[in-house]
């Protein structure tokens, strides 16, 4: 393992995705601040946060477990981005960009999970 979780490309990419989600959700209607916007932000922040937590626990087993949780958050975020697009909260091009980024992070997480298998 690297010396610092922040050196991992998957963590860096998840942070960039989180920033993008915050930018997109900032344009949601005010009534959605506690609804879909908050859910998307939590799911996005959950990915790098879980990678950091799992890494920080110091065991491969825990790290793998938390990487799987991050992968679950990615699935949640993808669904929410699709919903946001379908109800008109985000433009189709923003939705496409988010979904592409989410799928990239999922591929990276899949690789990490495989690398951490016993």
N, C-alpha and C. Protein backbone atom coordinates (compact mmCIF):
# COMPACT_ATOMS: atom_id res chain seq x y z
N UNK A 1 0.85 -1.19 0.00
CA UNK A 1 0.00 0.00 0.00
C UNK A 1 0.88 1.24 0.00
N UNK A 2 0.35 2.30 -0.58
CA UNK A 2 1.10 3.56 -0.59
C UNK A 2 1.15 4.14 0.83
N UNK A 3 1.96 5.12 1.01
CA UNK A 3 2.13 5.70 2.34
C UNK A 3 0.95 6.55 2.77
N UNK A 4 0.20 7.06 1.79
CA UNK A 4 -0.87 8.00 2.09
C UNK A 4 -2.01 7.75 1.11
N UNK A 5 -3.22 7.64 1.63
CA UNK A 5 -4.38 7.38 0.79
C UNK A 5 -4.55 8.47 -0.27
N UNK A 6 -4.11 9.68 0.03
CA UNK A 6 -4.25 10.80 -0.91
C UNK A 6 -3.38 10.62 -2.14
N UNK A 7 -2.45 9.68 -2.13
CA UNK A 7 -1.63 9.40 -3.30
C UNK A 7 -2.34 8.46 -4.28
N UNK A 8 -3.40 7.83 -3.84
CA UNK A 8 -4.12 6.89 -4.70
C UNK A 8 -4.93 7.62 -5.75
N UNK A 9 -4.81 7.19 -7.01
CA UNK A 9 -5.57 7.81 -8.10
C UNK A 9 -7.07 7.70 -7.87
N UNK A 10 -7.52 6.58 -7.32
CA UNK A 10 -8.96 6.41 -7.09
C UNK A 10 -9.47 7.41 -6.05
N UNK A 11 -8.69 7.66 -5.02
CA UNK A 11 -9.09 8.66 -4.02
C UNK A 11 -9.13 10.04 -4.65
N UNK A 12 -8.10 10.39 -5.43
CA UNK A 12 -8.04 11.69 -6.09
C UNK A 12 -9.22 11.88 -7.05
N UNK A 13 -9.53 10.84 -7.80
CA UNK A 13 -10.64 10.92 -8.77
C UNK A 13 -11.98 11.04 -8.04
N UNK A 14 -12.11 10.35 -6.91
CA UNK A 14 -13.35 10.44 -6.12
C UNK A 14 -13.52 11.84 -5.54
N UNK A 15 -12.44 12.48 -5.15
CA UNK A 15 -12.48 13.86 -4.66
C UNK A 15 -12.94 14.79 -5.79
N UNK A 16 -12.39 14.62 -6.98
CA UNK A 16 -12.79 15.44 -8.12
C UNK A 16 -14.27 15.25 -8.43
N UNK A 17 -14.73 14.02 -8.37
CA UNK A 17 -16.14 13.73 -8.60
C UNK A 17 -17.00 14.43 -7.55
N UNK A 18 -16.58 14.38 -6.32
CA UNK A 18 -17.31 15.04 -5.23
C UNK A 18 -17.43 16.54 -5.50
N UNK A 19 -16.35 17.14 -5.93
CA UNK A 19 -16.38 18.57 -6.27
C UNK A 19 -17.39 18.84 -7.38
N UNK A 20 -17.41 17.98 -8.39
CA UNK A 20 -18.34 18.14 -9.50
C UNK A 20 -19.78 18.01 -9.03
N UNK A 21 -20.03 17.04 -8.16
CA UNK A 21 -21.38 16.86 -7.63
C UNK A 21 -21.82 18.10 -6.85
N UNK A 22 -20.94 18.64 -6.04
CA UNK A 22 -21.29 19.85 -5.29
C UNK A 22 -21.62 21.00 -6.23
N UNK A 23 -20.86 21.13 -7.32
CA UNK A 23 -21.13 22.18 -8.29
C UNK A 23 -22.48 22.00 -8.97
N UNK A 24 -22.78 20.78 -9.37
CA UNK A 24 -24.06 20.50 -10.04
C UNK A 24 -25.24 20.70 -9.09
N UNK A 25 -25.11 20.24 -7.88
CA UNK A 25 -26.24 20.32 -6.94
C UNK A 25 -26.44 21.73 -6.41
N UNK A 26 -25.46 22.58 -6.54
CA UNK A 26 -25.62 23.98 -6.10
C UNK A 26 -26.69 24.69 -6.91
N UNK A 27 -26.95 24.17 -8.10
CA UNK A 27 -27.96 24.78 -8.97
C UNK A 27 -29.34 24.14 -8.81
N UNK A 28 -29.49 23.22 -7.89
CA UNK A 28 -30.80 22.60 -7.65
C UNK A 28 -31.75 23.63 -7.04
N UNK A 29 -33.05 23.40 -7.18
CA UNK A 29 -34.01 24.30 -6.51
C UNK A 29 -33.79 24.31 -5.00
N UNK A 30 -34.08 25.44 -4.39
CA UNK A 30 -33.87 25.59 -2.95
C UNK A 30 -34.63 24.53 -2.16
N UNK A 31 -35.79 24.13 -2.65
CA UNK A 31 -36.59 23.12 -1.95
C UNK A 31 -35.90 21.76 -1.90
N UNK A 32 -34.88 21.56 -2.72
CA UNK A 32 -34.17 20.28 -2.76
C UNK A 32 -32.91 20.26 -1.91
N UNK A 33 -32.64 21.33 -1.19
CA UNK A 33 -31.41 21.39 -0.40
C UNK A 33 -31.33 20.26 0.63
N UNK A 34 -32.47 19.85 1.16
CA UNK A 34 -32.48 18.76 2.15
C UNK A 34 -32.93 17.45 1.53
N UNK A 35 -33.16 17.45 0.24
CA UNK A 35 -33.65 16.25 -0.45
C UNK A 35 -32.56 15.61 -1.28
N UNK A 36 -32.81 15.55 -2.58
CA UNK A 36 -31.90 14.86 -3.50
C UNK A 36 -30.51 15.48 -3.49
N UNK A 37 -30.43 16.79 -3.38
CA UNK A 37 -29.13 17.46 -3.35
C UNK A 37 -28.28 16.94 -2.19
N UNK A 38 -28.86 16.88 -1.02
CA UNK A 38 -28.12 16.42 0.17
C UNK A 38 -27.74 14.95 0.02
N UNK A 39 -28.63 14.14 -0.53
CA UNK A 39 -28.33 12.72 -0.72
C UNK A 39 -27.16 12.53 -1.68
N UNK A 40 -27.17 13.28 -2.77
CA UNK A 40 -26.09 13.17 -3.74
C UNK A 40 -24.76 13.61 -3.15
N UNK A 41 -24.79 14.68 -2.39
CA UNK A 41 -23.56 15.16 -1.76
C UNK A 41 -23.01 14.16 -0.75
N UNK A 42 -23.91 13.55 0.03
CA UNK A 42 -23.46 12.55 1.01
C UNK A 42 -22.86 11.33 0.30
N UNK A 43 -23.52 10.87 -0.76
CA UNK A 43 -23.01 9.70 -1.49
C UNK A 43 -21.65 10.01 -2.11
N UNK A 44 -21.52 11.21 -2.68
CA UNK A 44 -20.25 11.60 -3.31
C UNK A 44 -19.13 11.71 -2.28
N UNK A 45 -19.42 12.32 -1.15
CA UNK A 45 -18.41 12.48 -0.10
C UNK A 45 -18.07 11.15 0.55
N UNK A 46 -19.01 10.23 0.51
CA UNK A 46 -18.81 8.93 1.13
C UNK A 46 -17.70 8.11 0.44
N UNK A 47 -17.56 8.30 -0.85
CA UNK A 47 -16.57 7.48 -1.58
C UNK A 47 -15.13 7.75 -1.10
N UNK A 48 -14.61 8.97 -1.20
CA UNK A 48 -13.24 9.17 -0.72
C UNK A 48 -13.13 9.02 0.79
N UNK A 49 -14.21 9.35 1.50
CA UNK A 49 -14.18 9.22 2.97
C UNK A 49 -14.03 7.76 3.39
N UNK A 50 -14.76 6.87 2.74
CA UNK A 50 -14.64 5.45 3.08
C UNK A 50 -13.29 4.89 2.67
N UNK A 51 -12.75 5.35 1.55
CA UNK A 51 -11.40 4.92 1.19
C UNK A 51 -10.40 5.33 2.25
N UNK A 52 -10.52 6.56 2.73
CA UNK A 52 -9.61 7.05 3.76
C UNK A 52 -9.79 6.28 5.07
N UNK A 53 -11.04 6.01 5.45
CA UNK A 53 -11.27 5.29 6.69
C UNK A 53 -10.72 3.87 6.62
N UNK A 54 -11.03 3.19 5.52
CA UNK A 54 -10.53 1.82 5.38
C UNK A 54 -9.02 1.76 5.35
N UNK A 55 -8.41 2.67 4.63
CA UNK A 55 -6.95 2.73 4.57
C UNK A 55 -6.37 2.99 5.95
N UNK A 56 -7.00 3.89 6.67
CA UNK A 56 -6.50 4.28 7.98
C UNK A 56 -6.60 3.19 9.03
N UNK A 57 -7.44 2.22 8.80
CA UNK A 57 -7.59 1.13 9.78
C UNK A 57 -6.40 0.19 9.77
N UNK A 58 -5.63 0.22 8.71
CA UNK A 58 -4.36 -0.50 8.71
C UNK A 58 -4.39 -1.97 8.31
N UNK A 59 -5.55 -2.54 8.05
CA UNK A 59 -5.57 -3.94 7.62
C UNK A 59 -6.16 -4.03 6.22
N UNK A 60 -5.67 -4.98 5.45
CA UNK A 60 -6.18 -5.18 4.09
C UNK A 60 -7.66 -5.55 4.11
N UNK A 61 -8.05 -6.34 5.09
CA UNK A 61 -9.44 -6.77 5.18
C UNK A 61 -10.36 -5.57 5.38
N UNK A 62 -10.01 -4.69 6.32
CA UNK A 62 -10.82 -3.49 6.56
C UNK A 62 -10.80 -2.56 5.36
N UNK A 63 -9.62 -2.42 4.76
CA UNK A 63 -9.48 -1.54 3.61
C UNK A 63 -10.39 -2.03 2.47
N UNK A 64 -10.38 -3.32 2.23
CA UNK A 64 -11.23 -3.91 1.19
C UNK A 64 -12.71 -3.68 1.51
N UNK A 65 -13.09 -3.89 2.77
CA UNK A 65 -14.48 -3.70 3.19
C UNK A 65 -14.94 -2.27 2.91
N UNK A 66 -14.14 -1.30 3.28
CA UNK A 66 -14.52 0.09 3.08
C UNK A 66 -14.47 0.50 1.61
N UNK A 67 -13.59 -0.13 0.82
CA UNK A 67 -13.60 0.12 -0.62
C UNK A 67 -14.90 -0.40 -1.23
N UNK A 68 -15.41 -1.52 -0.71
CA UNK A 68 -16.71 -2.04 -1.17
C UNK A 68 -17.84 -1.09 -0.78
N UNK A 69 -17.76 -0.50 0.39
CA UNK A 69 -18.77 0.48 0.80
C UNK A 69 -18.72 1.69 -0.14
N UNK A 70 -17.51 2.14 -0.49
CA UNK A 70 -17.36 3.25 -1.43
C UNK A 70 -17.99 2.90 -2.77
N UNK A 71 -17.82 1.67 -3.20
CA UNK A 71 -18.42 1.22 -4.46
C UNK A 71 -19.94 1.26 -4.38
N UNK A 72 -20.50 0.89 -3.24
CA UNK A 72 -21.94 0.99 -3.05
C UNK A 72 -22.43 2.42 -3.11
N UNK A 73 -21.67 3.34 -2.54
CA UNK A 73 -22.03 4.76 -2.61
C UNK A 73 -21.99 5.26 -4.05
N UNK A 74 -21.08 4.73 -4.84
CA UNK A 74 -21.02 5.11 -6.25
C UNK A 74 -22.28 4.68 -6.98
N UNK A 75 -22.76 3.48 -6.69
CA UNK A 75 -24.01 3.02 -7.30
C UNK A 75 -25.18 3.89 -6.89
N UNK A 76 -25.20 4.27 -5.65
CA UNK A 76 -26.24 5.16 -5.14
C UNK A 76 -26.19 6.51 -5.87
N UNK A 77 -24.99 7.06 -6.00
CA UNK A 77 -24.83 8.35 -6.66
C UNK A 77 -25.22 8.29 -8.13
N UNK A 78 -24.87 7.22 -8.80
CA UNK A 78 -25.25 7.10 -10.22
C UNK A 78 -26.76 7.12 -10.37
N UNK A 79 -27.46 6.39 -9.53
CA UNK A 79 -28.92 6.37 -9.57
C UNK A 79 -29.48 7.77 -9.31
N UNK A 80 -28.93 8.45 -8.34
CA UNK A 80 -29.41 9.79 -8.01
C UNK A 80 -29.14 10.78 -9.14
N UNK A 81 -28.00 10.66 -9.81
CA UNK A 81 -27.69 11.54 -10.94
C UNK A 81 -28.68 11.32 -12.08
N UNK A 82 -29.04 10.08 -12.31
CA UNK A 82 -30.03 9.77 -13.35
C UNK A 82 -31.38 10.35 -12.98
N UNK A 83 -31.77 10.20 -11.73
CA UNK A 83 -33.05 10.77 -11.27
C UNK A 83 -33.02 12.28 -11.44
N UNK A 84 -31.94 12.93 -11.00
CA UNK A 84 -31.83 14.39 -11.10
C UNK A 84 -31.96 14.86 -12.54
N UNK A 85 -31.38 14.11 -13.46
CA UNK A 85 -31.48 14.46 -14.86
C UNK A 85 -32.90 14.26 -15.39
N UNK A 86 -33.51 13.16 -15.03
CA UNK A 86 -34.85 12.86 -15.53
C UNK A 86 -35.90 13.85 -15.03
N UNK A 87 -35.69 14.42 -13.86
CA UNK A 87 -36.67 15.38 -13.35
C UNK A 87 -36.26 16.83 -13.64
N UNK A 88 -35.17 16.98 -14.39
CA UNK A 88 -34.78 18.30 -14.88
C UNK A 88 -33.95 19.15 -13.94
N UNK A 89 -33.39 18.55 -12.90
CA UNK A 89 -32.55 19.32 -11.98
C UNK A 89 -31.14 19.55 -12.52
N UNK A 90 -30.66 18.64 -13.35
CA UNK A 90 -29.36 18.84 -13.99
C UNK A 90 -29.51 18.59 -15.49
N UNK A 91 -28.71 19.30 -16.25
CA UNK A 91 -28.75 19.20 -17.70
C UNK A 91 -28.24 17.82 -18.14
N UNK A 92 -28.73 17.34 -19.27
CA UNK A 92 -28.29 16.02 -19.75
C UNK A 92 -26.77 15.90 -19.88
N UNK A 93 -26.10 16.95 -20.34
CA UNK A 93 -24.64 16.87 -20.48
C UNK A 93 -23.95 16.77 -19.11
N UNK A 94 -24.51 17.43 -18.09
CA UNK A 94 -23.96 17.30 -16.74
C UNK A 94 -24.19 15.90 -16.20
N UNK A 95 -25.36 15.37 -16.44
CA UNK A 95 -25.67 14.01 -16.00
C UNK A 95 -24.73 13.00 -16.67
N UNK A 96 -24.54 13.18 -17.97
CA UNK A 96 -23.64 12.27 -18.71
C UNK A 96 -22.22 12.34 -18.14
N UNK A 97 -21.75 13.55 -17.87
CA UNK A 97 -20.40 13.71 -17.31
C UNK A 97 -20.30 13.05 -15.94
N UNK A 98 -21.30 13.28 -15.09
CA UNK A 98 -21.29 12.67 -13.76
C UNK A 98 -21.30 11.15 -13.85
N UNK A 99 -22.21 10.61 -14.66
CA UNK A 99 -22.31 9.15 -14.77
C UNK A 99 -21.02 8.56 -15.33
N UNK A 100 -20.41 9.21 -16.30
CA UNK A 100 -19.13 8.73 -16.83
C UNK A 100 -18.05 8.74 -15.75
N UNK A 101 -18.01 9.80 -14.97
CA UNK A 101 -17.02 9.89 -13.89
C UNK A 101 -17.27 8.84 -12.81
N UNK A 102 -18.53 8.63 -12.48
CA UNK A 102 -18.88 7.62 -11.48
C UNK A 102 -18.43 6.25 -11.96
N UNK A 103 -18.71 5.93 -13.21
CA UNK A 103 -18.33 4.62 -13.75
C UNK A 103 -16.82 4.45 -13.79
N UNK A 104 -16.10 5.54 -14.04
CA UNK A 104 -14.63 5.48 -13.99
C UNK A 104 -14.16 5.15 -12.57
N UNK A 105 -14.74 5.82 -11.58
CA UNK A 105 -14.37 5.56 -10.19
C UNK A 105 -14.74 4.12 -9.81
N UNK A 106 -15.87 3.64 -10.27
CA UNK A 106 -16.27 2.25 -9.97
C UNK A 106 -15.25 1.27 -10.55
N UNK A 107 -14.80 1.51 -11.78
CA UNK A 107 -13.78 0.62 -12.37
C UNK A 107 -12.51 0.63 -11.52
N UNK A 108 -12.14 1.81 -11.06
CA UNK A 108 -10.95 1.91 -10.22
C UNK A 108 -11.16 1.20 -8.89
N UNK A 109 -12.35 1.36 -8.31
CA UNK A 109 -12.65 0.68 -7.05
C UNK A 109 -12.67 -0.83 -7.24
N UNK A 110 -13.21 -1.29 -8.36
CA UNK A 110 -13.20 -2.73 -8.65
C UNK A 110 -11.77 -3.26 -8.66
N UNK A 111 -10.88 -2.52 -9.30
CA UNK A 111 -9.48 -2.93 -9.33
C UNK A 111 -8.86 -2.95 -7.94
N UNK A 112 -9.17 -1.96 -7.14
CA UNK A 112 -8.65 -1.91 -5.77
C UNK A 112 -9.17 -3.08 -4.95
N UNK A 113 -10.45 -3.36 -5.05
CA UNK A 113 -11.05 -4.47 -4.31
C UNK A 113 -10.38 -5.79 -4.72
N UNK A 114 -10.19 -5.98 -6.01
CA UNK A 114 -9.52 -7.21 -6.48
C UNK A 114 -8.09 -7.31 -5.94
N UNK A 115 -7.39 -6.18 -5.93
CA UNK A 115 -6.00 -6.17 -5.44
C UNK A 115 -5.92 -6.47 -3.95
N UNK A 116 -6.99 -6.18 -3.22
CA UNK A 116 -6.99 -6.39 -1.77
C UNK A 116 -7.58 -7.74 -1.36
N UNK A 117 -7.99 -8.54 -2.36
CA UNK A 117 -8.56 -9.85 -2.02
C UNK A 117 -7.49 -10.71 -1.37
N UNK A 118 -7.95 -11.56 -0.44
CA UNK A 118 -6.98 -12.43 0.25
C UNK A 118 -6.34 -13.44 -0.68
